[in-house]
Amino acid sequence: MIISELFKLEIDGENIHRLIYDTFSENRMRLLGYCLSEKLKVLNEYHTAYIYLTNDDLKRFKYDTGDSEGIVNYALSIEGIYRAALFIERGGHIKVSLRSKGDVQVNDIASKYYDGGGHLNAAGGYSYISMEETLSKFEEIISNNDII
């Protein structure tokens, strides 16, 4: 109802959408390209892909809060991938974002291994070990969590 009232006032909805959803800094766009070309790992045998970013990566691209928003979905959009993760090193911990398609659960992984939670297809948590150990552990978890 609110939106219909705004349209009656002849707001420029297309411009507002573009400013909110389609306007990014150059650093954010370069970070996205870097994620896809250098930091994406695809585990076809487990129908899983993940992206990881270290503190150094974030500094390199002058990371601002929100710059990683939606990046995990690029991994999930790969054909044959039903589960995706994004690992971001932040100080003394690693933020874990998990996404999935269909009836593939990720909230169980978040709660069991990352002290987190969420919904069936979107969940998250934290890891308190190194990035290398976190990624190794994730691959071990995935190899024991068959989805197909």
C-alpha atoms as a PDB file:
ATOM      1  CA  MET A   1       0.000   0.000   0.000  1.00  0.00           C
ATOM      2  CA  ILE A   2       2.861   2.349   0.827  1.00  0.00           C
ATOM      3  CA  ILE A   3       4.512   1.770  -2.541  1.00  0.00           C
ATOM      4  CA  SER A   4       1.263   2.356  -4.413  1.00  0.00           C
ATOM      5  CA  GLU A   5       0.888   5.662  -2.571  1.00  0.00           C
ATOM      6  CA  LEU A   6       4.431   6.630  -3.510  1.00  0.00           C
ATOM      7  CA  PHE A   7       3.727   5.852  -7.168  1.00  0.00           C
ATOM      8  CA  LYS A   8       0.656   8.081  -6.971  1.00  0.00           C
ATOM      9  CA  LEU A   9       3.066  10.852  -5.990  1.00  0.00           C
ATOM     10  CA  GLU A  10       4.983  10.050  -9.193  1.00  0.00           C
ATOM     11  CA  ILE A  11       8.235   8.943  -7.583  1.00  0.00           C
ATOM     12  CA  ASP A  12      10.872   7.624  -9.951  1.00  0.00           C
ATOM     13  CA  GLY A  13      10.861   3.978  -8.826  1.00  0.00           C
ATOM     14  CA  GLU A  14      13.329   2.931 -11.513  1.00  0.00           C
ATOM     15  CA  ASN A  15      15.877   5.517 -10.369  1.00  0.00           C
ATOM     16  CA  ILE A  16      15.465   4.550  -6.715  1.00  0.00           C
ATOM     17  CA  HIS A  17      15.950   0.867  -7.596  1.00  0.00           C
ATOM     18  CA  ARG A  18      19.058   1.674  -9.636  1.00  0.00           C
ATOM     19  CA  LEU A  19      20.576   3.779  -6.832  1.00  0.00           C
ATOM     20  CA  ILE A  20      19.966   1.070  -4.225  1.00  0.00           C
ATOM     21  CA  TYR A  21      20.590  -2.157  -6.135  1.00  0.00           C
ATOM     22  CA  ASP A  22      22.616  -1.282  -9.226  1.00  0.00           C
ATOM     23  CA  THR A  23      25.145   1.307  -8.087  1.00  0.00           C
ATOM     24  CA  PHE A  24      28.400  -0.032  -6.674  1.00  0.00           C
ATOM     25  CA  SER A  25      31.825   1.363  -5.966  1.00  0.00           C
ATOM     26  CA  GLU A  26      34.673   0.486  -8.275  1.00  0.00           C
ATOM     27  CA  ASN A  27      36.363  -1.355  -5.376  1.00  0.00           C
ATOM     28  CA  ARG A  28      33.287  -3.528  -4.827  1.00  0.00           C
ATOM     29  CA  MET A  29      33.138  -4.459  -8.506  1.00  0.00           C
ATOM     30  CA  ARG A  30      36.841  -5.313  -8.533  1.00  0.00           C
ATOM     31  CA  LEU A  31      36.374  -7.379  -5.360  1.00  0.00           C
ATOM     32  CA  LEU A  32      33.572  -9.331  -7.059  1.00  0.00           C
ATOM     33  CA  GLY A  33      35.765 -10.005 -10.093  1.00  0.00           C
ATOM     34  CA  TYR A  34      38.612 -11.127  -7.838  1.00  0.00           C
ATOM     35  CA  CYS A  35      36.286 -13.436  -5.912  1.00  0.00           C
ATOM     36  CA  LEU A  36      35.096 -15.111  -9.091  1.00  0.00           C
ATOM     37  CA  SER A  37      38.469 -15.360 -10.827  1.00  0.00           C
ATOM     38  CA  GLU A  38      40.798 -16.085  -7.906  1.00  0.00           C
ATOM     39  CA  LYS A  39      38.860 -17.133  -4.798  1.00  0.00           C
ATOM     40  CA  LEU A  40      36.125 -19.443  -6.096  1.00  0.00           C
ATOM     41  CA  LYS A  41      36.544 -23.168  -5.525  1.00  0.00           C
ATOM     42  CA  VAL A  42      34.093 -25.576  -7.123  1.00  0.00           C
ATOM     43  CA  LEU A  43      33.654 -29.066  -5.692  1.00  0.00           C
ATOM     44  CA  ASN A  44      31.583 -30.621  -8.460  1.00  0.00           C
ATOM     45  CA  GLU A  45      31.582 -34.055  -6.856  1.00  0.00           C
ATOM     46  CA  TYR A  46      29.764 -32.563  -3.843  1.00  0.00           C
ATOM     47  CA  HIS A  47      27.613 -30.077  -5.815  1.00  0.00           C
ATOM     48  CA  THR A  48      29.194 -27.340  -3.714  1.00  0.00           C
ATOM     49  CA  ALA A  49      31.179 -24.175  -4.357  1.00  0.00           C
ATOM     50  CA  TYR A  50      32.744 -21.652  -2.032  1.00  0.00           C
ATOM     51  CA  ILE A  51      34.504 -18.303  -2.033  1.00  0.00           C
ATOM     52  CA  TYR A  52      36.907 -17.126   0.638  1.00  0.00           C
ATOM     53  CA  LEU A  53      38.375 -13.738   1.495  1.00  0.00           C
ATOM     54  CA  THR A  54      41.230 -13.022   3.886  1.00  0.00           C
ATOM     55  CA  ASN A  55      41.931  -9.839   5.829  1.00  0.00           C
ATOM     56  CA  ASP A  56      44.592  -9.024   3.223  1.00  0.00           C
ATOM     57  CA  ASP A  57      42.043  -9.404   0.410  1.00  0.00           C
ATOM     58  CA  LEU A  58      39.662  -7.032   2.184  1.00  0.00           C
ATOM     59  CA  LYS A  59      42.414  -4.444   2.657  1.00  0.00           C
ATOM     60  CA  ARG A  60      43.491  -4.769  -0.976  1.00  0.00           C
ATOM     61  CA  PHE A  61      40.000  -3.819  -2.183  1.00  0.00           C
ATOM     62  CA  LYS A  62      39.311  -1.240   0.561  1.00  0.00           C
ATOM     63  CA  TYR A  63      36.412  -3.338   1.814  1.00  0.00           C
ATOM     64  CA  ASP A  64      33.376  -1.533   3.186  1.00  0.00           C
ATOM     65  CA  THR A  65      30.570  -3.204   5.089  1.00  0.00           C
ATOM     66  CA  GLY A  66      28.138  -4.565   2.526  1.00  0.00           C
ATOM     67  CA  ASP A  67      30.683  -5.043  -0.273  1.00  0.00           C
ATOM     68  CA  SER A  68      30.365  -8.817   0.048  1.00  0.00           C
ATOM     69  CA  GLU A  69      26.559  -8.752   0.049  1.00  0.00           C
ATOM     70  CA  GLY A  70      25.247 -11.291  -2.467  1.00  0.00           C
ATOM     71  CA  ILE A  71      28.653 -12.686  -3.468  1.00  0.00           C
ATOM     72  CA  VAL A  72      27.793 -16.149  -2.142  1.00  0.00           C
ATOM     73  CA  ASN A  73      24.894 -16.285  -4.601  1.00  0.00           C
ATOM     74  CA  TYR A  74      27.291 -16.196  -7.562  1.00  0.00           C
ATOM     75  CA  ALA A  75      28.771 -19.503  -6.405  1.00  0.00           C
ATOM     76  CA  LEU A  76      25.259 -20.897  -6.007  1.00  0.00           C
ATOM     77  CA  SER A  77      24.326 -19.870  -9.548  1.00  0.00           C
ATOM     78  CA  ILE A  78      26.820 -22.304 -11.125  1.00  0.00           C
ATOM     79  CA  GLU A  79      25.115 -25.134 -12.983  1.00  0.00           C
ATOM     80  CA  GLY A  80      25.020 -28.301 -10.875  1.00  0.00           C
ATOM     81  CA  ILE A  81      25.811 -26.466  -7.624  1.00  0.00           C
ATOM     82  CA  TYR A  82      23.207 -26.823  -4.889  1.00  0.00           C
ATOM     83  CA  ARG A  83      25.171 -25.554  -1.897  1.00  0.00           C
ATOM     84  CA  ALA A  84      27.497 -22.543  -1.612  1.00  0.00           C
ATOM     85  CA  ALA A  85      29.528 -20.839   1.079  1.00  0.00           C
ATOM     86  CA  LEU A  86      31.342 -17.571   1.611  1.00  0.00           C
ATOM     87  CA  PHE A  87      34.112 -17.333   4.196  1.00  0.00           C
ATOM     88  CA  ILE A  88      35.288 -13.864   5.233  1.00  0.00           C
ATOM     89  CA  GLU A  89      38.161 -13.376   7.660  1.00  0.00           C
ATOM     90  CA  ARG A  90      37.408 -10.559  10.068  1.00  0.00           C
ATOM     91  CA  GLY A  91      39.940 -10.023  12.796  1.00  0.00           C
ATOM     92  CA  GLY A  92      40.124 -13.103  14.989  1.00  0.00           C
ATOM     93  CA  HIS A  93      37.303 -15.073  13.393  1.00  0.00           C
ATOM     94  CA  ILE A  94      35.816 -16.097  10.068  1.00  0.00           C
ATOM     95  CA  LYS A  95      32.256 -15.219   9.142  1.00  0.00           C
ATOM     96  CA  VAL A  96      30.569 -18.142   7.375  1.00  0.00           C
ATOM     97  CA  SER A  97      27.593 -17.585   5.045  1.00  0.00           C
ATOM     98  CA  LEU A  98      25.842 -20.650   3.628  1.00  0.00           C
ATOM     99  CA  ARG A  99      23.245 -20.822   0.860  1.00  0.00           C
ATOM    100  CA  SER A 100      21.480 -23.676  -0.922  1.00  0.00           C
ATOM    101  CA  LYS A 101      18.794 -24.504  -3.453  1.00  0.00           C
ATOM    102  CA  GLY A 102      15.649 -26.580  -3.098  1.00  0.00           C
ATOM    103  CA  ASP A 103      15.475 -28.957  -0.177  1.00  0.00           C
ATOM    104  CA  VAL A 104      19.249 -28.946   0.448  1.00  0.00           C
ATOM    105  CA  GLN A 105      19.732 -27.898   4.063  1.00  0.00           C
ATOM    106  CA  VAL A 106      22.474 -25.566   5.232  1.00  0.00           C
ATOM    107  CA  ASN A 107      21.073 -24.517   8.589  1.00  0.00           C
ATOM    108  CA  ASP A 108      22.048 -27.894  10.058  1.00  0.00           C
ATOM    109  CA  ILE A 109      25.678 -27.335   9.007  1.00  0.00           C
ATOM    110  CA  ALA A 110      25.641 -23.789  10.437  1.00  0.00           C
ATOM    111  CA  SER A 111      24.305 -24.906  13.799  1.00  0.00           C
ATOM    112  CA  LYS A 112      26.414 -28.055  14.121  1.00  0.00           C
ATOM    113  CA  TYR A 113      29.783 -26.732  12.977  1.00  0.00           C
ATOM    114  CA  TYR A 114      29.714 -22.923  13.069  1.00  0.00           C
ATOM    115  CA  ASP A 115      27.813 -21.996  16.232  1.00  0.00           C
ATOM    116  CA  GLY A 116      25.166 -20.427  14.038  1.00  0.00           C
ATOM    117  CA  GLY A 117      21.811 -21.046  12.496  1.00  0.00           C
ATOM    118  CA  GLY A 118      19.348 -19.781   9.963  1.00  0.00           C
ATOM    119  CA  HIS A 119      16.856 -21.167   7.520  1.00  0.00           C
ATOM    120  CA  LEU A 120      16.846 -24.226   5.278  1.00  0.00           C
ATOM    121  CA  ASN A 121      18.457 -22.353   2.358  1.00  0.00           C
ATOM    122  CA  ALA A 122      20.245 -19.476   4.113  1.00  0.00           C
ATOM    123  CA  ALA A 123      22.316 -19.774   7.252  1.00  0.00           C
ATOM    124  CA  GLY A 124      25.539 -18.626   8.803  1.00  0.00           C
ATOM    125  CA  GLY A 125      27.869 -18.688  11.739  1.00  0.00           C
ATOM    126  CA  TYR A 126      31.502 -18.269  12.733  1.00  0.00           C
ATOM    127  CA  SER A 127      34.744 -20.207  12.698  1.00  0.00           C
ATOM    128  CA  TYR A 128      37.507 -19.474  15.192  1.00  0.00           C
ATOM    129  CA  ILE A 129      40.332 -21.387  13.526  1.00  0.00           C
ATOM    130  CA  SER A 130      42.562 -20.230  10.648  1.00  0.00           C
ATOM    131  CA  MET A 131      41.192 -19.770   7.145  1.00  0.00           C
ATOM    132  CA  GLU A 132      43.207 -22.734   5.895  1.00  0.00           C
ATOM    133  CA  GLU A 133      41.845 -24.960   8.670  1.00  0.00           C
ATOM    134  CA  THR A 134      38.316 -23.627   8.174  1.00  0.00           C
ATOM    135  CA  LEU A 135      38.340 -24.433   4.453  1.00  0.00           C
ATOM    136  CA  SER A 136      39.837 -27.867   5.032  1.00  0.00           C
ATOM    137  CA  LYS A 137      37.227 -28.620   7.691  1.00  0.00           C
ATOM    138  CA  PHE A 138      34.435 -27.370   5.399  1.00  0.00           C
ATOM    139  CA  GLU A 139      35.549 -29.694   2.618  1.00  0.00           C
ATOM    140  CA  GLU A 140      35.614 -32.561   5.118  1.00  0.00           C
ATOM    141  CA  ILE A 141      32.095 -31.670   6.321  1.00  0.00           C
ATOM    142  CA  ILE A 142      30.803 -31.499   2.755  1.00  0.00           C
ATOM    143  CA  SER A 143      32.393 -34.786   1.767  1.00  0.00           C
ATOM    144  CA  ASN A 144      30.468 -36.462   4.601  1.00  0.00           C
ATOM    145  CA  ASN A 145      27.194 -34.622   3.914  1.00  0.00           C
ATOM    146  CA  ASP A 146      25.941 -36.052   0.620  1.00  0.00           C
ATOM    147  CA  ILE A 147      23.134 -34.049  -0.963  1.00  0.00           C
ATOM    148  CA  ILE A 148      22.433 -35.876  -4.210  1.00  0.00           C
END
